[in-house]
Amino acid sequence: MVKINYSIVAAVGVAILVIAAIGFVVYGNAFDRPDGGPEKSGMTITDMAGRTVTLNAPVERIVIMESSKTAELAAIAGDGFAEKIVGWDNDIKRNAGDEYAVFVAEYPQLADIPDVGSLDDGTFSIEKVISLKPDVVIMHNWQFVWAGDATADALTKLELAGIPVVFVDFYMDPMANSTKSMLLLGKILDREDRAGEIVDFYNNHVAVIYSRLADINGTKPSVYVEQGFRGPSEYDITEGDEGWGSIVKKARGDNIAEPLLGKSGKPLNPEYLISKSPDIIILTGRNWSTPGSIRMGYTSTPEDTRRTMDGYLMRPGWDSINAVKNHKVYAIYQGYTFSMYNFIMLEAFAKWFYPEEFKDVDPDATIKEYHDRFMPIDYSGTFSYSYY
């Protein structure tokens, strides 16, 4: 009897599928691309992972791996953005259902975009991506950290298939890399002027905050930020010098988690938090399905946010924390941490940390103006909130 090495057979089968898919892409791109599209030319760029990428631009067919970045594409591409997204993961439905709802209400075709699976849960399908014949797949630097093996594997297979991958970053170093990422997206979309206008808006608001912070002396307020995903019965992650933690530092706050976590995120020990008794507590909210999670976003009211914060204020020992005793407990939209909107988070933090110096700053008015000028959907809902 001949013994069969099934692992070799499986490997050969996968290789055949990938090679066949590559052929589908090559010939599909040559013969099946719709006529009448914009004339394309080769473009070489350096992405936010420091990779040199060559692609045909302007890109018209995009697969986006972290679909809540639809907001950034929409701001740059305008009304035509919906036709450009040919595949995405389920992040926008899973973590930003409010954003998905308002986008689909305005652009119903978004409801029919194929789900190609996610990198962070092992469901990513290289075959499905290849079948969509994208001009580019957009990934995000954080995926190297939180889904490193899956991201590296997907990148290898996409490159083998001849599909360009461009990394952007709105999270790992948000205040430095968000504007660079927007300019990069503007370049590959042939919307550099539009991206420049958005970046100018961002920079002008940030400059006001930084200039005032530079004139402030004295002790920095101690700050604790916690993701409000799990509900009050279980402590959720906080962050060191990354994501919102890095923005706490930019807003001249003293993040009590940074000495313990460095550039990482995980839950803190409740006893440590209570012993540090921070001056300010900030909880993050989103349109999560988790029972007890803090509700914020386009479809949430201030009452929704307050109701879902109540349980956190009732945690054992919190009545002894300075932030609670002095009525300095706030909530901010979790999506700001991963998006171009992080400058709104900077405004809110600065206002909460130094209310006298920033009493004329209104983060809600800023985000409304951003929507009026750049977004194809209207601003609504609750994105920042003061409990007291």
Protein backbone atom coordinates (compact mmCIF):
# COMPACT_ATOMS: atom_id res chain seq x y z
CA MET A 1 0.00 0.00 0.00
CA VAL A 2 1.27 3.46 -0.89
CA LYS A 3 1.30 5.87 2.03
CA ILE A 4 -0.03 9.36 1.26
CA ASN A 5 1.45 12.42 2.96
CA TYR A 6 -1.71 14.46 3.36
CA SER A 7 0.14 17.56 4.55
CA ILE A 8 2.02 17.67 1.21
CA VAL A 9 -1.19 17.13 -0.72
CA ALA A 10 -2.85 19.96 1.20
CA ALA A 11 0.08 22.29 0.61
CA VAL A 12 0.07 21.52 -3.13
CA GLY A 13 -3.67 22.12 -3.22
CA VAL A 14 -3.31 25.54 -1.62
CA ALA A 15 -0.50 26.44 -4.03
CA ILE A 16 -2.65 25.44 -7.01
CA LEU A 17 -5.53 27.57 -5.71
CA VAL A 18 -3.28 30.60 -5.26
CA ILE A 19 -1.67 30.17 -8.70
CA ALA A 20 -5.08 29.77 -10.29
CA ALA A 21 -6.31 32.85 -8.49
CA ILE A 22 -3.29 34.82 -9.65
CA GLY A 23 -4.11 33.89 -13.21
CA PHE A 24 -7.68 34.99 -12.63
CA VAL A 25 -6.49 38.36 -11.38
CA VAL A 26 -3.99 38.90 -14.19
CA TYR A 27 -6.38 37.99 -16.99
CA GLY A 28 -9.37 39.46 -15.22
CA ASN A 29 -7.61 42.78 -14.86
CA ALA A 30 -6.59 42.69 -18.50
CA PHE A 31 -9.96 41.80 -20.03
CA ASP A 32 -12.75 42.37 -17.49
CA ARG A 33 -12.05 45.85 -16.10
CA PRO A 34 -14.91 48.20 -17.05
CA ASP A 35 -14.21 50.61 -19.91
CA GLY A 36 -14.39 54.35 -19.44
CA GLY A 37 -12.52 54.47 -16.13
CA PRO A 38 -9.77 57.00 -15.45
CA GLU A 39 -6.46 56.47 -17.18
CA LYS A 40 -4.05 54.81 -14.80
CA SER A 41 -0.30 55.03 -14.44
CA GLY A 42 2.29 53.33 -12.28
CA MET A 43 2.90 54.98 -8.93
CA THR A 44 5.46 54.09 -6.27
CA ILE A 45 4.79 55.19 -2.71
CA THR A 46 6.14 54.53 0.77
CA ASP A 47 3.36 53.39 3.09
CA MET A 48 3.03 53.88 6.84
CA ALA A 49 4.82 50.59 7.54
CA GLY A 50 7.84 51.93 5.65
CA ARG A 51 7.24 49.59 2.70
CA THR A 52 7.84 50.64 -0.91
CA VAL A 53 4.70 49.82 -2.89
CA THR A 54 4.06 50.14 -6.62
CA LEU A 55 0.48 50.25 -7.83
CA ASN A 56 -1.68 51.53 -10.67
CA ALA A 57 -3.32 54.81 -9.69
CA PRO A 58 -5.76 56.31 -9.18
CA VAL A 59 -7.17 53.27 -7.43
CA GLU A 60 -10.81 52.50 -8.15
CA ARG A 61 -11.33 49.08 -6.53
CA ILE A 62 -10.43 48.92 -2.82
CA VAL A 63 -10.56 46.17 -0.22
CA ILE A 64 -10.26 47.71 3.23
CA MET A 65 -9.17 45.68 6.25
CA GLU A 66 -10.72 47.66 9.12
CA SER A 67 -13.87 48.82 7.49
CA SER A 68 -14.56 51.59 10.00
CA LYS A 69 -11.96 53.50 7.97
CA THR A 70 -14.82 54.05 5.53
CA ALA A 71 -15.09 57.48 7.17
CA GLU A 72 -11.60 58.48 6.02
CA LEU A 73 -12.21 57.22 2.48
CA ALA A 74 -15.54 59.03 2.37
CA ALA A 75 -14.00 62.33 3.50
CA ILE A 76 -11.37 62.17 0.75
CA ALA A 77 -13.30 60.59 -2.12
CA GLY A 78 -16.66 62.32 -1.53
CA ASP A 79 -19.92 60.89 -2.87
CA GLY A 80 -18.12 58.38 -5.10
CA PHE A 81 -16.47 56.54 -2.21
CA ALA A 82 -19.13 53.82 -1.98
CA GLU A 83 -18.43 52.55 -5.50
CA LYS A 84 -14.72 52.23 -4.74
CA ILE A 85 -15.07 49.78 -1.83
CA VAL A 86 -15.41 46.29 -3.35
CA GLY A 87 -14.66 44.30 -0.18
CA TRP A 88 -14.14 44.81 3.55
CA ASP A 89 -14.04 43.06 6.92
CA ASN A 90 -16.86 43.17 9.46
CA ASP A 91 -15.26 45.74 11.80
CA ILE A 92 -17.73 48.48 10.92
CA LYS A 93 -20.71 46.21 11.66
CA ARG A 94 -19.19 44.60 14.76
CA ASN A 95 -17.73 47.67 16.45
CA ALA A 96 -19.33 50.69 14.80
CA GLY A 97 -22.87 49.66 14.03
CA ASP A 98 -24.01 53.26 14.43
CA GLU A 99 -21.60 54.42 11.73
CA TYR A 100 -22.64 51.54 9.48
CA ALA A 101 -26.32 52.44 9.93
CA VAL A 102 -25.93 56.09 8.97
CA PHE A 103 -23.69 55.29 6.00
CA VAL A 104 -26.05 52.61 4.67
CA ALA A 105 -29.04 54.92 5.09
CA GLU A 106 -27.34 57.38 2.75
CA TYR A 107 -25.58 54.83 0.51
CA PRO A 108 -27.65 51.59 0.46
CA GLN A 109 -25.16 49.84 -1.85
CA LEU A 110 -22.77 49.54 1.10
CA ALA A 111 -25.00 46.82 2.53
CA ASP A 112 -24.02 44.57 -0.39
CA ILE A 113 -20.22 44.86 -0.05
CA PRO A 114 -18.70 41.37 0.29
CA ASP A 115 -17.15 40.45 3.64
CA VAL A 116 -13.64 39.07 3.04
CA GLY A 117 -13.15 38.02 6.66
CA SER A 118 -11.01 39.55 9.37
CA LEU A 119 -7.33 39.31 10.19
CA ASP A 120 -7.85 39.32 13.95
CA ASP A 121 -10.15 36.29 14.12
CA GLY A 122 -8.68 34.00 11.47
CA THR A 123 -11.51 34.35 8.95
CA PHE A 124 -9.62 36.31 6.25
CA SER A 125 -10.10 34.74 2.79
CA ILE A 126 -7.33 35.32 0.26
CA GLU A 127 -9.44 33.60 -2.42
CA LYS A 128 -12.34 36.00 -1.89
CA VAL A 129 -10.06 39.04 -2.05
CA ILE A 130 -8.45 37.82 -5.27
CA SER A 131 -11.86 37.22 -6.84
CA LEU A 132 -12.77 40.89 -6.27
CA LYS A 133 -9.83 42.08 -8.43
CA PRO A 134 -8.88 45.04 -6.21
CA ASP A 135 -6.41 47.71 -7.24
CA VAL A 136 -5.24 47.84 -3.62
CA VAL A 137 -5.83 46.29 -0.22
CA ILE A 138 -5.60 48.80 2.63
CA MET A 139 -4.31 47.46 5.94
CA HIS A 140 -3.34 49.13 9.21
CA ASN A 141 -0.16 49.15 11.26
CA TRP A 142 -1.95 47.98 14.41
CA GLN A 143 -2.74 44.71 12.65
CA PHE A 144 0.95 43.78 12.78
CA VAL A 145 0.70 44.06 16.59
CA TRP A 146 -2.72 42.56 17.36
CA ALA A 147 -2.88 40.01 14.51
CA GLY A 148 0.75 39.70 13.51
CA ASP A 149 0.87 36.15 12.11
CA ALA A 150 -2.38 36.50 10.16
CA THR A 151 -1.31 39.88 8.77
CA ALA A 152 2.10 38.60 7.67
CA ASP A 153 0.52 35.55 6.03
CA ALA A 154 -2.10 37.64 4.20
CA LEU A 155 0.55 40.09 3.05
CA THR A 156 2.71 37.29 1.60
CA LYS A 157 -0.21 35.76 -0.28
CA LEU A 158 -1.46 39.09 -1.63
CA GLU A 159 1.99 40.03 -2.85
CA LEU A 160 2.30 36.61 -4.52
CA ALA A 161 -1.02 37.31 -6.24
CA GLY A 162 0.27 40.67 -7.50
CA ILE A 163 -2.18 42.69 -5.40
CA PRO A 164 -0.63 45.83 -3.84
CA VAL A 165 -1.07 46.31 -0.09
CA VAL A 166 -0.83 49.76 1.48
CA PHE A 167 -0.58 50.23 5.24
CA VAL A 168 -1.93 53.33 6.98
CA ASP A 169 -1.78 54.26 10.67
CA PHE A 170 -4.34 56.12 12.74
CA TYR A 171 -3.58 54.34 16.01
CA MET A 172 -0.01 53.33 16.84
CA ASP A 173 1.22 56.93 16.66
CA PRO A 174 -2.06 58.75 16.01
CA MET A 175 -1.13 62.42 16.26
CA ALA A 176 1.92 61.99 14.02
CA ASN A 177 0.66 59.49 11.47
CA SER A 178 -3.02 60.27 10.88
CA THR A 179 -2.33 63.27 8.66
CA LYS A 180 0.40 61.35 6.80
CA SER A 181 -2.06 58.52 6.23
CA MET A 182 -4.70 60.89 4.87
CA LEU A 183 -2.21 62.41 2.45
CA LEU A 184 -1.19 58.91 1.36
CA LEU A 185 -4.83 57.97 0.71
CA GLY A 186 -5.30 61.23 -1.17
CA LYS A 187 -2.34 60.40 -3.37
CA ILE A 188 -3.47 56.92 -4.40
CA LEU A 189 -7.04 58.18 -4.94
CA ASP A 190 -5.86 61.17 -6.99
CA ARG A 191 -7.51 63.47 -4.44
CA GLU A 192 -4.44 65.16 -3.02
CA ASP A 193 -6.03 68.62 -2.89
CA ARG A 194 -8.99 67.29 -0.90
CA ALA A 195 -6.73 65.39 1.49
CA GLY A 196 -4.65 68.55 1.90
CA GLU A 197 -7.73 70.54 2.93
CA ILE A 198 -8.62 67.94 5.56
CA VAL A 199 -5.08 67.89 6.91
CA ASP A 200 -5.02 71.69 7.08
CA PHE A 201 -8.25 71.64 9.12
CA TYR A 202 -6.72 69.06 11.45
CA ASN A 203 -3.42 70.92 11.82
CA ASN A 204 -5.08 74.26 12.50
CA HIS A 205 -7.11 72.84 15.37
CA VAL A 206 -4.18 70.92 16.80
CA ALA A 207 -1.95 74.00 16.65
CA VAL A 208 -4.37 75.97 18.83
CA ILE A 209 -4.30 73.22 21.48
CA TYR A 210 -0.52 72.84 21.45
CA SER A 211 0.15 76.57 21.61
CA ARG A 212 -2.01 76.99 24.72
CA LEU A 213 -0.64 73.87 26.39
CA ALA A 214 2.89 75.24 25.94
CA ASP A 215 2.00 78.18 28.19
CA ILE A 216 0.63 76.04 31.03
CA ASN A 217 2.87 75.37 34.01
CA GLY A 218 2.33 73.42 37.18
CA THR A 219 1.37 69.87 38.04
CA LYS A 220 -0.25 67.74 35.35
CA PRO A 221 -3.55 66.08 36.25
CA SER A 222 -3.32 62.32 36.72
CA VAL A 223 -5.57 60.47 34.26
CA TYR A 224 -7.08 57.02 33.88
CA VAL A 225 -8.78 55.94 30.63
CA GLU A 226 -10.63 52.62 30.29
CA GLN A 227 -12.31 51.02 27.31
CA GLY A 228 -16.00 50.61 28.12
CA PHE A 229 -16.53 47.42 26.10
CA ARG A 230 -16.85 44.74 28.80
CA GLY A 231 -19.24 46.53 31.10
CA PRO A 232 -18.68 47.64 34.70
CA SER A 233 -18.43 44.16 36.21
CA GLU A 234 -15.04 43.52 34.57
CA TYR A 235 -12.11 45.90 34.18
CA ASP A 236 -11.24 46.45 30.52
CA ILE A 237 -8.02 47.52 28.85
CA THR A 238 -6.28 50.82 29.35
CA GLU A 239 -3.25 51.93 27.34
CA GLY A 240 0.26 53.14 27.94
CA ASP A 241 1.97 55.35 25.36
CA GLU A 242 -0.16 54.29 22.38
CA GLY A 243 -3.64 55.08 21.10
CA TRP A 244 -5.54 57.24 23.58
CA GLY A 245 -2.65 56.96 26.04
CA SER A 246 -0.40 58.87 23.68
CA ILE A 247 -3.08 61.54 23.31
CA VAL A 248 -3.33 61.90 27.10
CA LYS A 249 0.37 62.76 27.04
CA LYS A 250 -0.07 65.20 24.12
CA ALA A 251 -2.82 66.97 26.10
CA ARG A 252 -0.43 67.36 29.05
CA GLY A 253 -1.96 64.72 31.25
CA ASP A 254 -0.15 62.20 33.45
CA ASN A 255 -1.36 58.75 32.33
CA ILE A 256 -1.23 56.47 35.39
CA ALA A 257 -1.02 53.38 33.14
CA GLU A 258 2.10 54.35 31.19
CA PRO A 259 4.70 53.42 33.86
CA LEU A 260 3.24 49.91 33.98
CA LEU A 261 2.33 49.31 30.33
CA GLY A 262 4.82 51.24 28.20
CA LYS A 263 3.60 50.93 24.61
CA SER A 264 0.94 48.29 25.25
CA GLY A 265 -2.59 47.91 26.55
CA LYS A 266 -4.23 45.64 29.13
CA PRO A 267 -6.49 45.95 32.19
CA LEU A 268 -5.07 47.48 35.36
CA ASN A 269 -5.43 45.95 38.78
CA PRO A 270 -8.38 47.68 40.51
CA GLU A 271 -6.35 48.10 43.69
CA TYR A 272 -3.65 49.93 41.76
CA LEU A 273 -6.22 52.28 40.21
CA ILE A 274 -7.83 53.06 43.55
CA SER A 275 -4.46 53.60 45.22
CA LYS A 276 -3.42 56.07 42.50
CA SER A 277 -6.73 57.93 42.87
CA PRO A 278 -6.47 59.75 39.50
CA ASP A 279 -7.74 63.30 39.12
CA ILE A 280 -9.65 62.45 35.94
CA ILE A 281 -11.38 59.28 34.71
CA ILE A 282 -12.34 58.88 31.05
CA LEU A 283 -14.36 55.91 29.79
CA THR A 284 -14.65 55.08 26.11
CA GLY A 285 -17.91 54.13 24.43
CA ARG A 286 -19.08 52.85 21.08
CA ASN A 287 -22.01 51.03 19.48
CA TRP A 288 -21.00 47.66 20.92
CA SER A 289 -23.38 44.73 21.45
CA THR A 290 -21.83 43.72 24.78
CA PRO A 291 -24.35 44.00 27.65
CA GLY A 292 -23.39 46.88 29.92
CA SER A 293 -20.97 48.47 27.45
CA ILE A 294 -20.94 52.24 27.23
CA ARG A 295 -23.10 53.48 24.37
CA MET A 296 -21.87 56.31 22.21
CA GLY A 297 -21.88 57.26 18.55
CA TYR A 298 -24.18 58.50 15.80
CA THR A 299 -27.27 56.75 17.13
CA SER A 300 -26.79 57.27 20.89
CA THR A 301 -28.30 60.01 23.04
CA PRO A 302 -26.63 61.64 26.08
CA GLU A 303 -29.12 59.67 28.20
CA ASP A 304 -27.87 56.41 26.67
CA THR A 305 -24.31 57.31 27.54
CA ARG A 306 -25.12 58.37 31.09
CA ARG A 307 -27.23 55.27 31.77
CA THR A 308 -24.42 52.95 30.65
CA MET A 309 -21.84 54.85 32.71
CA ASP A 310 -23.84 54.51 35.92
CA GLY A 311 -22.52 51.06 36.79
CA TYR A 312 -18.90 52.18 36.53
CA LEU A 313 -19.41 54.87 39.13
CA MET A 314 -20.81 52.20 41.48
CA ARG A 315 -17.72 49.98 41.33
CA PRO A 316 -16.24 49.12 44.74
CA GLY A 317 -13.81 51.77 45.90
CA TRP A 318 -14.56 54.29 43.16
CA ASP A 319 -16.29 56.63 45.60
CA SER A 320 -12.86 57.25 47.14
CA ILE A 321 -11.16 58.21 43.86
CA ASN A 322 -10.45 61.94 43.41
CA ALA A 323 -12.04 62.01 39.95
CA VAL A 324 -15.34 60.76 41.35
CA LYS A 325 -15.23 62.89 44.48
CA ASN A 326 -14.48 66.01 42.42
CA HIS A 327 -16.94 65.19 39.63
CA LYS A 328 -14.40 64.77 36.85
CA VAL A 329 -15.61 61.64 35.05
CA TYR A 330 -16.09 61.74 31.29
CA ALA A 331 -16.77 59.56 28.25
CA ILE A 332 -15.29 59.75 24.76
CA TYR A 333 -16.10 57.84 21.57
CA GLN A 334 -13.79 54.82 21.23
CA GLY A 335 -13.73 55.24 17.45
CA TYR A 336 -11.80 58.49 17.84
CA THR A 337 -8.84 56.40 18.99
CA PHE A 338 -8.51 54.65 15.62
CA SER A 339 -9.41 57.46 13.24
CA MET A 340 -8.67 60.85 11.78
CA TYR A 341 -10.99 62.19 14.49
CA ASN A 342 -8.26 61.75 17.11
CA PHE A 343 -7.73 65.52 17.07
CA ILE A 344 -11.25 65.83 18.53
CA MET A 345 -10.08 63.58 21.36
CA LEU A 346 -7.13 65.94 21.87
CA GLU A 347 -9.51 68.90 22.13
CA ALA A 348 -11.76 67.09 24.62
CA PHE A 349 -8.85 65.94 26.77
CA ALA A 350 -7.30 69.41 26.87
CA LYS A 351 -10.65 70.93 27.84
CA TRP A 352 -11.21 68.36 30.60
CA PHE A 353 -7.64 68.62 31.92
CA TYR A 354 -7.49 72.45 31.82
CA PRO A 355 -11.06 73.78 31.73
CA GLU A 356 -10.16 77.45 32.25
CA GLU A 357 -7.56 77.57 29.49
CA PHE A 358 -9.86 75.81 27.02
CA LYS A 359 -13.31 77.04 28.06
CA ASP A 360 -13.95 78.38 24.54
CA VAL A 361 -13.04 75.06 22.86
CA ASP A 362 -16.04 72.95 21.84
CA PRO A 363 -15.10 69.47 20.51
CA ASP A 364 -18.69 68.77 19.44
CA ALA A 365 -18.78 71.95 17.37
CA THR A 366 -15.46 70.98 15.78
CA ILE A 367 -16.63 67.54 14.72
CA LYS A 368 -19.88 69.02 13.38
CA GLU A 369 -17.90 71.51 11.30
CA TYR A 370 -15.72 68.66 10.03
CA HIS A 371 -18.84 66.79 8.90
CA ASP A 372 -20.32 69.88 7.28
CA ARG A 373 -17.14 70.51 5.30
CA PHE A 374 -15.85 67.04 4.48
CA MET A 375 -18.28 64.21 5.20
CA PRO A 376 -21.11 62.94 2.94
CA ILE A 377 -23.17 62.07 6.04
CA ASP A 378 -24.62 64.39 8.68
CA TYR A 379 -23.33 64.69 12.21
CA SER A 380 -25.61 63.34 14.93
CA GLY A 381 -25.45 61.49 18.24
CA THR A 382 -23.11 61.60 21.24
CA PHE A 383 -19.32 61.49 20.97
CA SER A 384 -18.13 63.16 24.17
CA TYR A 385 -19.89 63.44 27.51
CA SER A 386 -19.39 64.79 31.01
CA TYR A 387 -21.08 62.63 33.65
CA TYR A 388 -21.53 65.49 36.13
